[in-house]
Amino acid sequence: MSNIFANKSIGRLTREATRIHINDFGILCGFQWPCLIQGISLRLGGSPLLRITGIDFPMPGFRPADGVEQTGRHLMNYCKRFNVLFECNANAKKWDTIKEKNSGGM
């Protein structure tokens, strides 16, 4: 229920937006985003650019970001299926090391 409520709220609050940027701490497999992607694909005039910054703990081993990068690839394929412009930033970091970066208006 929380995913449904969050997606409906994001959709309602960004109804007029041409770009949406979501920071997802603990993205895991990204199962919460396909419903939002499908919903914004139905907007009159086309979908906005969707950018998701997925942040999850580093995995042990040689490729600590492999899990979150794989999630980004899955979401990219889903967005292609529904013609949603998509950018993904995958970060495998401890949450307390994340710093806000001013990107000049985003």
PDB file of N, CA and C in Angstrom:
ATOM      1  N   MET A   1       0.815  -1.199   0.000  1.00  0.00           N
ATOM      2  CA  MET A   1       0.000   0.000   0.000  1.00  0.00           C
ATOM      3  C   MET A   1       0.860   1.264   0.000  1.00  0.00           C
ATOM      4  N   SER A   2       1.987   1.206   0.697  1.00  0.00           N
ATOM      5  CA  SER A   2       2.812   2.411   0.751  1.00  0.00           C
ATOM      6  C   SER A   2       3.370   2.771  -0.618  1.00  0.00           C
ATOM      7  N   ASN A   3       3.726   1.779  -1.434  1.00  0.00           N
ATOM      8  CA  ASN A   3       4.211   2.067  -2.790  1.00  0.00           C
ATOM      9  C   ASN A   3       3.128   2.691  -3.650  1.00  0.00           C
ATOM     10  N   ILE A   4       1.909   2.178  -3.533  1.00  0.00           N
ATOM     11  CA  ILE A   4       0.792   2.734  -4.304  1.00  0.00           C
ATOM     12  C   ILE A   4       0.547   4.175  -3.896  1.00  0.00           C
ATOM     13  N   PHE A   5       0.497   4.438  -2.593  1.00  0.00           N
ATOM     14  CA  PHE A   5       0.266   5.796  -2.102  1.00  0.00           C
ATOM     15  C   PHE A   5       1.391   6.734  -2.548  1.00  0.00           C
ATOM     16  N   ALA A   6       2.640   6.285  -2.438  1.00  0.00           N
ATOM     17  CA  ALA A   6       3.778   7.122  -2.834  1.00  0.00           C
ATOM     18  C   ALA A   6       3.742   7.425  -4.332  1.00  0.00           C
ATOM     19  N   ASN A   7       3.471   6.413  -5.155  1.00  0.00           N
ATOM     20  CA  ASN A   7       3.419   6.629  -6.599  1.00  0.00           C
ATOM     21  C   ASN A   7       2.289   7.565  -6.995  1.00  0.00           C
ATOM     22  N   LYS A   8       1.134   7.410  -6.373  1.00  0.00           N
ATOM     23  CA  LYS A   8       0.012   8.314  -6.654  1.00  0.00           C
ATOM     24  C   LYS A   8       0.360   9.743  -6.248  1.00  0.00           C
ATOM     25  N   SER A   9       1.009   9.900  -5.106  1.00  0.00           N
ATOM     26  CA  SER A   9       1.403  11.237  -4.649  1.00  0.00           C
ATOM     27  C   SER A   9       2.433  11.863  -5.588  1.00  0.00           C
ATOM     28  N   ILE A  10       3.434  11.089  -5.979  1.00  0.00           N
ATOM     29  CA  ILE A  10       4.445  11.603  -6.913  1.00  0.00           C
ATOM     30  C   ILE A  10       3.774  11.995  -8.226  1.00  0.00           C
ATOM     31  N   GLY A  11       2.911  11.151  -8.733  1.00  0.00           N
ATOM     32  CA  GLY A  11       2.207  11.453  -9.979  1.00  0.00           C
ATOM     33  C   GLY A  11       1.375  12.712  -9.892  1.00  0.00           C
ATOM     34  N   ARG A  12       0.657  12.873  -8.783  1.00  0.00           N
ATOM     35  CA  ARG A  12      -0.196  14.047  -8.600  1.00  0.00           C
ATOM     36  C   ARG A  12       0.639  15.314  -8.447  1.00  0.00           C
ATOM     37  N   LEU A  13       1.711  15.246  -7.668  1.00  0.00           N
ATOM     38  CA  LEU A  13       2.530  16.432  -7.407  1.00  0.00           C
ATOM     39  C   LEU A  13       3.410  16.834  -8.585  1.00  0.00           C
ATOM     40  N   THR A  14       3.625  15.925  -9.528  1.00  0.00           N
ATOM     41  CA  THR A  14       4.476  16.231 -10.685  1.00  0.00           C
ATOM     42  C   THR A  14       3.683  16.231 -11.991  1.00  0.00           C
ATOM     43  N   ARG A  15       2.390  16.405 -11.883  1.00  0.00           N
ATOM     44  CA  ARG A  15       1.505  16.335 -13.054  1.00  0.00           C
ATOM     45  C   ARG A  15       1.942  17.257 -14.184  1.00  0.00           C
ATOM     46  N   GLU A  16       2.437  18.440 -13.855  1.00  0.00           N
ATOM     47  CA  GLU A  16       2.850  19.424 -14.864  1.00  0.00           C
ATOM     48  C   GLU A  16       4.347  19.395 -15.143  1.00  0.00           C
ATOM     49  N   ALA A  17       5.095  18.583 -14.436  1.00  0.00           N
ATOM     50  CA  ALA A  17       6.558  18.581 -14.540  1.00  0.00           C
ATOM     51  C   ALA A  17       7.026  17.982 -15.864  1.00  0.00           C
ATOM     52  N   THR A  18       8.126  18.529 -16.361  1.00  0.00           N
ATOM     53  CA  THR A  18       8.756  17.955 -17.551  1.00  0.00           C
ATOM     54  C   THR A  18       9.919  17.053 -17.167  1.00  0.00           C
ATOM     55  N   ARG A  19      10.350  17.151 -15.889  1.00  0.00           N
ATOM     56  CA  ARG A  19      11.423  16.302 -15.364  1.00  0.00           C
ATOM     57  C   ARG A  19      11.072  15.899 -13.939  1.00  0.00           C
ATOM     58  N   ILE A  20      11.367  14.655 -13.611  1.00  0.00           N
ATOM     59  CA  ILE A  20      11.166  14.142 -12.253  1.00  0.00           C
ATOM     60  C   ILE A  20      12.481  13.491 -11.830  1.00  0.00           C
ATOM     61  N   HIS A  21      12.979  13.866 -10.655  1.00  0.00           N
ATOM     62  CA  HIS A  21      14.197  13.249 -10.128  1.00  0.00           C
ATOM     63  C   HIS A  21      13.867  12.653  -8.771  1.00  0.00           C
ATOM     64  N   ILE A  22      14.088  11.358  -8.649  1.00  0.00           N
ATOM     65  CA  ILE A  22      13.806  10.629  -7.418  1.00  0.00           C
ATOM     66  C   ILE A  22      15.112  10.091  -6.858  1.00  0.00           C
ATOM     67  N   ASN A  23      15.371  10.365  -5.587  1.00  0.00           N
ATOM     68  CA  ASN A  23      16.497   9.762  -4.870  1.00  0.00           C
ATOM     69  C   ASN A  23      15.933   8.626  -4.042  1.00  0.00           C
ATOM     70  N   ASP A  24      16.349   7.418  -4.361  1.00  0.00           N
ATOM     71  CA  ASP A  24      15.808   6.232  -3.689  1.00  0.00           C
ATOM     72  C   ASP A  24      16.894   5.584  -2.839  1.00  0.00           C
ATOM     73  N   PHE A  25      16.848   5.848  -1.533  1.00  0.00           N
ATOM     74  CA  PHE A  25      17.768   5.216  -0.592  1.00  0.00           C
ATOM     75  C   PHE A  25      17.251   3.816  -0.302  1.00  0.00           C
ATOM     76  N   GLY A  26      18.040   2.806  -0.624  1.00  0.00           N
ATOM     77  CA  GLY A  26      17.629   1.422  -0.429  1.00  0.00           C
ATOM     78  C   GLY A  26      16.808   0.906  -1.592  1.00  0.00           C
ATOM     79  N   ILE A  27      17.238   1.205  -2.800  1.00  0.00           N
ATOM     80  CA  ILE A  27      16.477   0.858  -3.999  1.00  0.00           C
ATOM     81  C   ILE A  27      16.279  -0.648  -4.175  1.00  0.00           C
ATOM     82  N   LEU A  28      17.210  -1.455  -3.668  1.00  0.00           N
ATOM     83  CA  LEU A  28      17.141  -2.914  -3.814  1.00  0.00           C
ATOM     84  C   LEU A  28      16.905  -3.278  -5.281  1.00  0.00           C
ATOM     85  N   CYS A  29      15.761  -3.889  -5.583  1.00  0.00           N
ATOM     86  CA  CYS A  29      15.470  -4.309  -6.960  1.00  0.00           C
ATOM     87  C   CYS A  29      14.616  -3.304  -7.721  1.00  0.00           C
ATOM     88  N   GLY A  30      14.203  -2.229  -7.068  1.00  0.00           N
ATOM     89  CA  GLY A  30      13.421  -1.192  -7.740  1.00  0.00           C
ATOM     90  C   GLY A  30      11.984  -1.580  -8.038  1.00  0.00           C
ATOM     91  N   PHE A  31      11.439  -2.537  -7.290  1.00  0.00           N
ATOM     92  CA  PHE A  31      10.093  -3.024  -7.565  1.00  0.00           C
ATOM     93  C   PHE A  31       9.009  -1.960  -7.388  1.00  0.00           C
ATOM     94  N   GLN A  32       9.325  -0.872  -6.704  1.00  0.00           N
ATOM     95  CA  GLN A  32       8.319   0.150  -6.458  1.00  0.00           C
ATOM     96  C   GLN A  32       8.108   1.079  -7.652  1.00  0.00           C
ATOM     97  N   TRP A  33       8.995   1.060  -8.660  1.00  0.00           N
ATOM     98  CA  TRP A  33       8.934   2.056  -9.725  1.00  0.00           C
ATOM     99  C   TRP A  33       8.190   1.666 -10.990  1.00  0.00           C
ATOM    100  N   PRO A  34       8.023   0.405 -11.363  1.00  0.00           N
ATOM    101  CA  PRO A  34       7.308   0.106 -12.607  1.00  0.00           C
ATOM    102  C   PRO A  34       5.899   0.693 -12.685  1.00  0.00           C
ATOM    103  N   CYS A  35       5.153   0.710 -11.596  1.00  0.00           N
ATOM    104  CA  CYS A  35       3.807   1.298 -11.639  1.00  0.00           C
ATOM    105  C   CYS A  35       3.863   2.796 -11.927  1.00  0.00           C
ATOM    106  N   LEU A  36       4.828   3.491 -11.333  1.00  0.00           N
ATOM    107  CA  LEU A  36       4.987   4.918 -11.609  1.00  0.00           C
ATOM    108  C   LEU A  36       5.385   5.122 -13.068  1.00  0.00           C
ATOM    109  N   ILE A  37       6.304   4.325 -13.554  1.00  0.00           N
ATOM    110  CA  ILE A  37       6.752   4.435 -14.952  1.00  0.00           C
ATOM    111  C   ILE A  37       5.581   4.244 -15.907  1.00  0.00           C
ATOM    112  N   GLN A  38       4.804   3.227 -15.667  1.00  0.00           N
ATOM    113  CA  GLN A  38       3.653   2.978 -16.530  1.00  0.00           C
ATOM    114  C   GLN A  38       2.649   4.118 -16.434  1.00  0.00           C
ATOM    115  N   GLY A  39       2.441   4.642 -15.236  1.00  0.00           N
ATOM    116  CA  GLY A  39       1.499   5.746 -15.058  1.00  0.00           C
ATOM    117  C   GLY A  39       1.920   7.012 -15.780  1.00  0.00           C
ATOM    118  N   ILE A  40       3.187   7.389 -15.673  1.00  0.00           N
ATOM    119  CA  ILE A  40       3.611   8.630 -16.337  1.00  0.00           C
ATOM    120  C   ILE A  40       3.718   8.456 -17.850  1.00  0.00           C
ATOM    121  N   SER A  41       3.790   7.205 -18.315  1.00  0.00           N
ATOM    122  CA  SER A  41       3.831   6.975 -19.763  1.00  0.00           C
ATOM    123  C   SER A  41       2.494   7.313 -20.423  1.00  0.00           C
ATOM    124  N   LEU A  42       1.437   7.372 -19.635  1.00  0.00           N
ATOM    125  CA  LEU A  42       0.097   7.632 -20.161  1.00  0.00           C
ATOM    126  C   LEU A  42      -0.270   9.105 -20.195  1.00  0.00           C
ATOM    127  N   ARG A  43       0.630   9.973 -19.781  1.00  0.00           N
ATOM    128  CA  ARG A  43       0.319  11.404 -19.733  1.00  0.00           C
ATOM    129  C   ARG A  43       0.098  11.974 -21.129  1.00  0.00           C
ATOM    130  N   LEU A  44      -0.910  12.839 -21.214  1.00  0.00           N
ATOM    131  CA  LEU A  44      -1.148  13.545 -22.463  1.00  0.00           C
ATOM    132  C   LEU A  44       0.058  14.423 -22.769  1.00  0.00           C
ATOM    133  N   GLY A  45       0.500  14.431 -23.981  1.00  0.00           N
ATOM    134  CA  GLY A  45       1.657  15.227 -24.353  1.00  0.00           C
ATOM    135  C   GLY A  45       2.980  14.513 -24.121  1.00  0.00           C
ATOM    136  N   GLY A  46       2.932  13.294 -23.652  1.00  0.00           N
ATOM    137  CA  GLY A  46       4.154  12.518 -23.437  1.00  0.00           C
ATOM    138  C   GLY A  46       4.613  12.527 -21.996  1.00  0.00           C
ATOM    139  N   SER A  47       5.501  11.636 -21.721  1.00  0.00           N
ATOM    140  CA  SER A  47       5.988  11.499 -20.349  1.00  0.00           C
ATOM    141  C   SER A  47       7.134  12.468 -20.083  1.00  0.00           C
ATOM    142  N   PRO A  48       7.331  12.821 -18.828  1.00  0.00           N
ATOM    143  CA  PRO A  48       8.483  13.650 -18.464  1.00  0.00           C
ATOM    144  C   PRO A  48       9.752  12.797 -18.455  1.00  0.00           C
ATOM    145  N   LEU A  49      10.893  13.464 -18.413  1.00  0.00           N
ATOM    146  CA  LEU A  49      12.153  12.770 -18.196  1.00  0.00           C
ATOM    147  C   LEU A  49      12.157  12.271 -16.756  1.00  0.00           C
ATOM    148  N   LEU A  50      12.414  11.007 -16.565  1.00  0.00           N
ATOM    149  CA  LEU A  50      12.483  10.423 -15.230  1.00  0.00           C
ATOM    150  C   LEU A  50      13.929  10.087 -14.918  1.00  0.00           C
ATOM    151  N   ARG A  51      14.425  10.649 -13.831  1.00  0.00           N
ATOM    152  CA  ARG A  51      15.776  10.330 -13.364  1.00  0.00           C
ATOM    153  C   ARG A  51      15.646   9.721 -11.976  1.00  0.00           C
ATOM    154  N   ILE A  52      16.214   8.542 -11.824  1.00  0.00           N
ATOM    155  CA  ILE A  52      16.222   7.897 -10.520  1.00  0.00           C
ATOM    156  C   ILE A  52      17.665   7.712 -10.088  1.00  0.00           C
ATOM    157  N   THR A  53      17.981   8.246  -8.925  1.00  0.00           N
ATOM    158  CA  THR A  53      19.272   8.006  -8.305  1.00  0.00           C
ATOM    159  C   THR A  53      19.055   6.906  -7.276  1.00  0.00           C
ATOM    160  N   GLY A  54      19.545   5.724  -7.608  1.00  0.00           N
ATOM    161  CA  GLY A  54      19.403   4.573  -6.730  1.00  0.00           C
ATOM    162  C   GLY A  54      20.614   4.460  -5.822  1.00  0.00           C
ATOM    163  N   ILE A  55      20.364   4.426  -4.539  1.00  0.00           N
ATOM    164  CA  ILE A  55      21.442   4.369  -3.553  1.00  0.00           C
ATOM    165  C   ILE A  55      21.225   3.127  -2.696  1.00  0.00           C
ATOM    166  N   ASP A  56      22.250   2.303  -2.640  1.00  0.00           N
ATOM    167  CA  ASP A  56      22.159   1.114  -1.805  1.00  0.00           C
ATOM    168  C   ASP A  56      23.533   0.805  -1.240  1.00  0.00           C
ATOM    169  N   PHE A  57      23.576  -0.011  -0.221  1.00  0.00           N
ATOM    170  CA  PHE A  57      24.841  -0.360   0.416  1.00  0.00           C
ATOM    171  C   PHE A  57      25.740  -1.111  -0.565  1.00  0.00           C
ATOM    172  N   PRO A  58      27.035  -0.890  -0.499  1.00  0.00           N
ATOM    173  CA  PRO A  58      27.958  -1.638  -1.362  1.00  0.00           C
ATOM    174  C   PRO A  58      27.911  -3.121  -1.032  1.00  0.00           C
ATOM    175  N   MET A  59      28.002  -3.927  -2.071  1.00  0.00           N
ATOM    176  CA  MET A  59      28.056  -5.378  -1.884  1.00  0.00           C
ATOM    177  C   MET A  59      29.507  -5.776  -1.675  1.00  0.00           C
ATOM    178  N   PRO A  60      29.756  -6.795  -0.888  1.00  0.00           N
ATOM    179  CA  PRO A  60      31.139  -7.228  -0.702  1.00  0.00           C
ATOM    180  C   PRO A  60      31.690  -7.834  -1.994  1.00  0.00           C
ATOM    181  N   GLY A  61      32.986  -7.695  -2.186  1.00  0.00           N
ATOM    182  CA  GLY A  61      33.622  -8.302  -3.348  1.00  0.00           C
ATOM    183  C   GLY A  61      34.176  -7.277  -4.319  1.00  0.00           C
ATOM    184  N   PHE A  62      34.461  -7.752  -5.492  1.00  0.00           N
ATOM    185  CA  PHE A  62      35.154  -6.976  -6.513  1.00  0.00           C
ATOM    186  C   PHE A  62      34.280  -5.896  -7.127  1.00  0.00           C
ATOM    187  N   ARG A  63      32.968  -6.128  -7.213  1.00  0.00           N
ATOM    188  CA  ARG A  63      32.051  -5.181  -7.858  1.00  0.00           C
ATOM    189  C   ARG A  63      30.980  -4.727  -6.871  1.00  0.00           C
ATOM    190  N   PRO A  64      31.301  -3.778  -6.019  1.00  0.00           N
ATOM    191  CA  PRO A  64      30.367  -3.395  -4.954  1.00  0.00           C
ATOM    192  C   PRO A  64      29.073  -2.753  -5.446  1.00  0.00           C
ATOM    193  N   ALA A  65      29.080  -2.193  -6.653  1.00  0.00           N
ATOM    194  CA  ALA A  65      27.888  -1.517  -7.166  1.00  0.00           C
ATOM    195  C   ALA A  65      27.073  -2.392  -8.112  1.00  0.00           C
ATOM    196  N   ASP A  66      27.428  -3.651  -8.263  1.00  0.00           N
ATOM    197  CA  ASP A  66      26.787  -4.505  -9.257  1.00  0.00           C
ATOM    198  C   ASP A  66      25.276  -4.602  -9.065  1.00  0.00           C
ATOM    199  N   GLY A  67      24.809  -4.766  -7.853  1.00  0.00           N
ATOM    200  CA  GLY A  67      23.374  -4.916  -7.606  1.00  0.00           C
ATOM    201  C   GLY A  67      22.574  -3.692  -7.996  1.00  0.00           C
ATOM    202  N   VAL A  68      23.019  -2.530  -7.580  1.00  0.00           N
ATOM    203  CA  VAL A  68      22.274  -1.303  -7.876  1.00  0.00           C
ATOM    204  C   VAL A  68      22.382  -0.952  -9.368  1.00  0.00           C
ATOM    205  N   GLU A  69      23.505  -1.282 -10.002  1.00  0.00           N
ATOM    206  CA  GLU A  69      23.636  -1.051 -11.442  1.00  0.00           C
ATOM    207  C   GLU A  69      22.707  -1.970 -12.228  1.00  0.00           C
ATOM    208  N   GLN A  70      22.568  -3.205 -11.787  1.00  0.00           N
ATOM    209  CA  GLN A  70      21.658  -4.147 -12.438  1.00  0.00           C
ATOM    210  C   GLN A  70      20.213  -3.664 -12.315  1.00  0.00           C
ATOM    211  N   THR A  71      19.861  -3.128 -11.159  1.00  0.00           N
ATOM    212  CA  THR A  71      18.523  -2.564 -10.980  1.00  0.00           C
ATOM    213  C   THR A  71      18.300  -1.431 -11.970  1.00  0.00           C
ATOM    214  N   GLY A  72      19.298  -0.570 -12.148  1.00  0.00           N
ATOM    215  CA  GLY A  72      19.191   0.520 -13.122  1.00  0.00           C
ATOM    216  C   GLY A  72      18.965   0.012 -14.530  1.00  0.00           C
ATOM    217  N   ARG A  73      19.649  -1.054 -14.907  1.00  0.00           N
ATOM    218  CA  ARG A  73      19.466  -1.631 -16.256  1.00  0.00           C
ATOM    219  C   ARG A  73      18.043  -2.184 -16.421  1.00  0.00           C
ATOM    220  N   HIS A  74      17.522  -2.838 -15.395  1.00  0.00           N
ATOM    221  CA  HIS A  74      16.150  -3.358 -15.464  1.00  0.00           C
ATOM    222  C   HIS A  74      15.142  -2.219 -15.620  1.00  0.00           C
ATOM    223  N   LEU A  75      15.335  -1.152 -14.837  1.00  0.00           N
ATOM    224  CA  LEU A  75      14.419  -0.010 -14.943  1.00  0.00           C
ATOM    225  C   LEU A  75      14.549   0.675 -16.300  1.00  0.00           C
ATOM    226  N   MET A  76      15.754   0.741 -16.848  1.00  0.00           N
ATOM    227  CA  MET A  76      15.970   1.318 -18.177  1.00  0.00           C
ATOM    228  C   MET A  76      15.184   0.529 -19.229  1.00  0.00           C
ATOM    229  N   ASN A  77      15.258  -0.787 -19.168  1.00  0.00           N
ATOM    230  CA  ASN A  77      14.516  -1.619 -20.121  1.00  0.00           C
ATOM    231  C   ASN A  77      13.008  -1.432 -19.969  1.00  0.00           C
ATOM    232  N   TYR A  78      12.546  -1.311 -18.737  1.00  0.00           N
ATOM    233  CA  TYR A  78      11.119  -1.088 -18.504  1.00  0.00           C
ATOM    234  C   TYR A  78      10.682   0.259 -19.081  1.00  0.00           C
ATOM    235  N   CYS A  79      11.515   1.275 -18.895  1.00  0.00           N
ATOM    236  CA  CYS A  79      11.190   2.598 -19.441  1.00  0.00           C
ATOM    237  C   CYS A  79      11.161   2.584 -20.964  1.00  0.00           C
ATOM    238  N   LYS A  80      12.077   1.860 -21.574  1.00  0.00           N
ATOM    239  CA  LYS A  80      12.065   1.736 -23.039  1.00  0.00           C
ATOM    240  C   LYS A  80      10.757   1.108 -23.504  1.00  0.00           C
ATOM    241  N   ARG A  81      10.305   0.115 -22.782  1.00  0.00           N
ATOM    242  CA  ARG A  81       9.060  -0.578 -23.132  1.00  0.00           C
ATOM    243  C   ARG A  81       7.869   0.367 -23.136  1.00  0.00           C
ATOM    244  N   PHE A  82       7.886   1.355 -22.238  1.00  0.00           N
ATOM    245  CA  PHE A  82       6.771   2.291 -22.110  1.00  0.00           C
ATOM    246  C   PHE A  82       7.095   3.687 -22.651  1.00  0.00           C
ATOM    247  N   ASN A  83       8.182   3.811 -23.398  1.00  0.00           N
ATOM    248  CA  ASN A  83       8.571   5.081 -24.034  1.00  0.00           C
ATOM    249  C   ASN A  83       8.710   6.234 -23.042  1.00  0.00           C
ATOM    250  N   VAL A  84       9.357   5.956 -21.924  1.00  0.00           N
ATOM    251  CA  VAL A  84       9.629   6.984 -20.917  1.00  0.00           C
ATOM    252  C   VAL A  84      11.116   7.312 -20.977  1.00  0.00           C
ATOM    253  N   LEU A  85      11.435   8.592 -21.167  1.00  0.00           N
ATOM    254  CA  LEU A  85      12.829   9.013 -21.148  1.00  0.00           C
ATOM    255  C   LEU A  85      13.383   8.776 -19.752  1.00  0.00           C
ATOM    256  N   PHE A  86      14.556   8.161 -19.663  1.00  0.00           N
ATOM    257  CA  PHE A  86      15.042   7.712 -18.365  1.00  0.00           C
ATOM    258  C   PHE A  86      16.540   7.908 -18.229  1.00  0.00           C
ATOM    259  N   GLU A  87      16.931   8.353 -17.053  1.00  0.00           N
ATOM    260  CA  GLU A  87      18.334   8.415 -16.657  1.00  0.00           C
ATOM    261  C   GLU A  87      18.450   7.743 -15.299  1.00  0.00           C
ATOM    262  N   CYS A  88      19.511   6.975 -15.123  1.00  0.00           N
ATOM    263  CA  CYS A  88      19.718   6.302 -13.855  1.00  0.00           C
ATOM    264  C   CYS A  88      21.115   6.613 -13.336  1.00  0.00           C
ATOM    265  N   ASN A  89      21.190   6.957 -12.080  1.00  0.00           N
ATOM    266  CA  ASN A  89      22.464   7.125 -11.400  1.00  0.00           C
ATOM    267  C   ASN A  89      22.513   6.063 -10.303  1.00  0.00           C
ATOM    268  N   ALA A  90      23.468   5.157 -10.408  1.00  0.00           N
ATOM    269  CA  ALA A  90      23.593   4.086  -9.431  1.00  0.00           C
ATOM    270  C   ALA A  90      24.727   4.406  -8.467  1.00  0.00           C
ATOM    271  N   ASN A  91      24.421   4.381  -7.186  1.00  0.00           N
ATOM    272  CA  ASN A  91      25.414   4.660  -6.156  1.00  0.00           C
ATOM    273  C   ASN A  91      25.420   3.544  -5.124  1.00  0.00           C
ATOM    274  N   ALA A  92      26.571   2.955  -4.936  1.00  0.00           N
ATOM    275  CA  ALA A  92      26.735   1.948  -3.884  1.00  0.00           C
ATOM    276  C   ALA A  92      27.603   2.585  -2.807  1.00  0.00           C
ATOM    277  N   LYS A  93      26.940   3.175  -1.827  1.00  0.00           N
ATOM    278  CA  LYS A  93      27.649   3.895  -0.767  1.00  0.00           C
ATOM    279  C   LYS A  93      26.910   3.703   0.550  1.00  0.00           C
ATOM    280  N   LYS A  94      27.631   3.881   1.615  1.00  0.00           N
ATOM    281  CA  LYS A  94      26.973   3.929   2.919  1.00  0.00           C
ATOM    282  C   LYS A  94      26.202   5.239   2.987  1.00  0.00           C
ATOM    283  N   TRP A  95      24.996   5.168   3.485  1.00  0.00           N
ATOM    284  CA  TRP A  95      24.106   6.315   3.435  1.00  0.00           C
ATOM    285  C   TRP A  95      24.658   7.531   4.162  1.00  0.00           C
ATOM    286  N   ASP A  96      25.398   7.315   5.235  1.00  0.00           N
ATOM    287  CA  ASP A  96      25.905   8.465   5.990  1.00  0.00           C
ATOM    288  C   ASP A  96      27.056   9.165   5.274  1.00  0.00           C
ATOM    289  N   THR A  97      27.524   8.632   4.135  1.00  0.00           N
ATOM    290  CA  THR A  97      28.588   9.288   3.372  1.00  0.00           C
ATOM    291  C   THR A  97      28.042  10.108   2.207  1.00  0.00           C
ATOM    292  N   ILE A  98      26.735  10.062   1.984  1.00  0.00           N
ATOM    293  CA  ILE A  98      26.108  10.786   0.873  1.00  0.00           C
ATOM    294  C   ILE A  98      26.025  12.267   1.215  1.00  0.00           C
ATOM    295  N   LYS A  99      26.475  13.096   0.302  1.00  0.00           N
ATOM    296  CA  LYS A  99      26.407  14.550   0.456  1.00  0.00           C
ATOM    297  C   LYS A  99      25.556  15.126  -0.663  1.00  0.00           C
ATOM    298  N   GLU A 100      24.793  16.163  -0.341  1.00  0.00           N
ATOM    299  CA  GLU A 100      23.993  16.838  -1.350  1.00  0.00           C
ATOM    300  C   GLU A 100      24.910  17.627  -2.271  1.00  0.00           C
ATOM    301  N   LYS A 101      24.625  17.540  -3.567  1.00  0.00           N
ATOM    302  CA  LYS A 101      25.397  18.273  -4.553  1.00  0.00           C
ATOM    303  C   LYS A 101      24.438  19.201  -5.286  1.00  0.00           C
ATOM    304  N   ASN A 102      24.767  20.465  -5.354  1.00  0.00           N
ATOM    305  CA  ASN A 102      23.944  21.433  -6.050  1.00  0.00           C
ATOM    306  C   ASN A 102      24.165  21.263  -7.531  1.00  0.00           C
ATOM    307  N   SER A 103      23.095  20.883  -8.258  1.00  0.00           N
ATOM    308  CA  SER A 103      23.224  20.645  -9.697  1.00  0.00           C
ATOM    309  C   SER A 103      22.670  21.799 -10.509  1.00  0.00           C
ATOM    310  N   GLY A 104      22.511  22.964  -9.891  1.00  0.00           N
ATOM    311  CA  GLY A 104      22.083  24.130 -10.648  1.00  0.00           C
ATOM    312  C   GLY A 104      20.638  24.095 -11.088  1.00  0.00           C
ATOM    313  N   GLY A 105      19.722  23.816 -10.185  1.00  0.00           N
ATOM    314  CA  GLY A 105      18.312  23.913 -10.507  1.00  0.00           C
ATOM    315  C   GLY A 105      17.555  22.603 -10.521  1.00  0.00           C
ATOM    316  N   MET A 106      18.198  21.543 -10.270  1.00  0.00           N
ATOM    317  CA  MET A 106      17.505  20.245 -10.243  1.00  0.00           C
ATOM    318  C   MET A 106      17.401  19.753  -8.844  1.00  0.00           C
TER     319      MET A 106
END
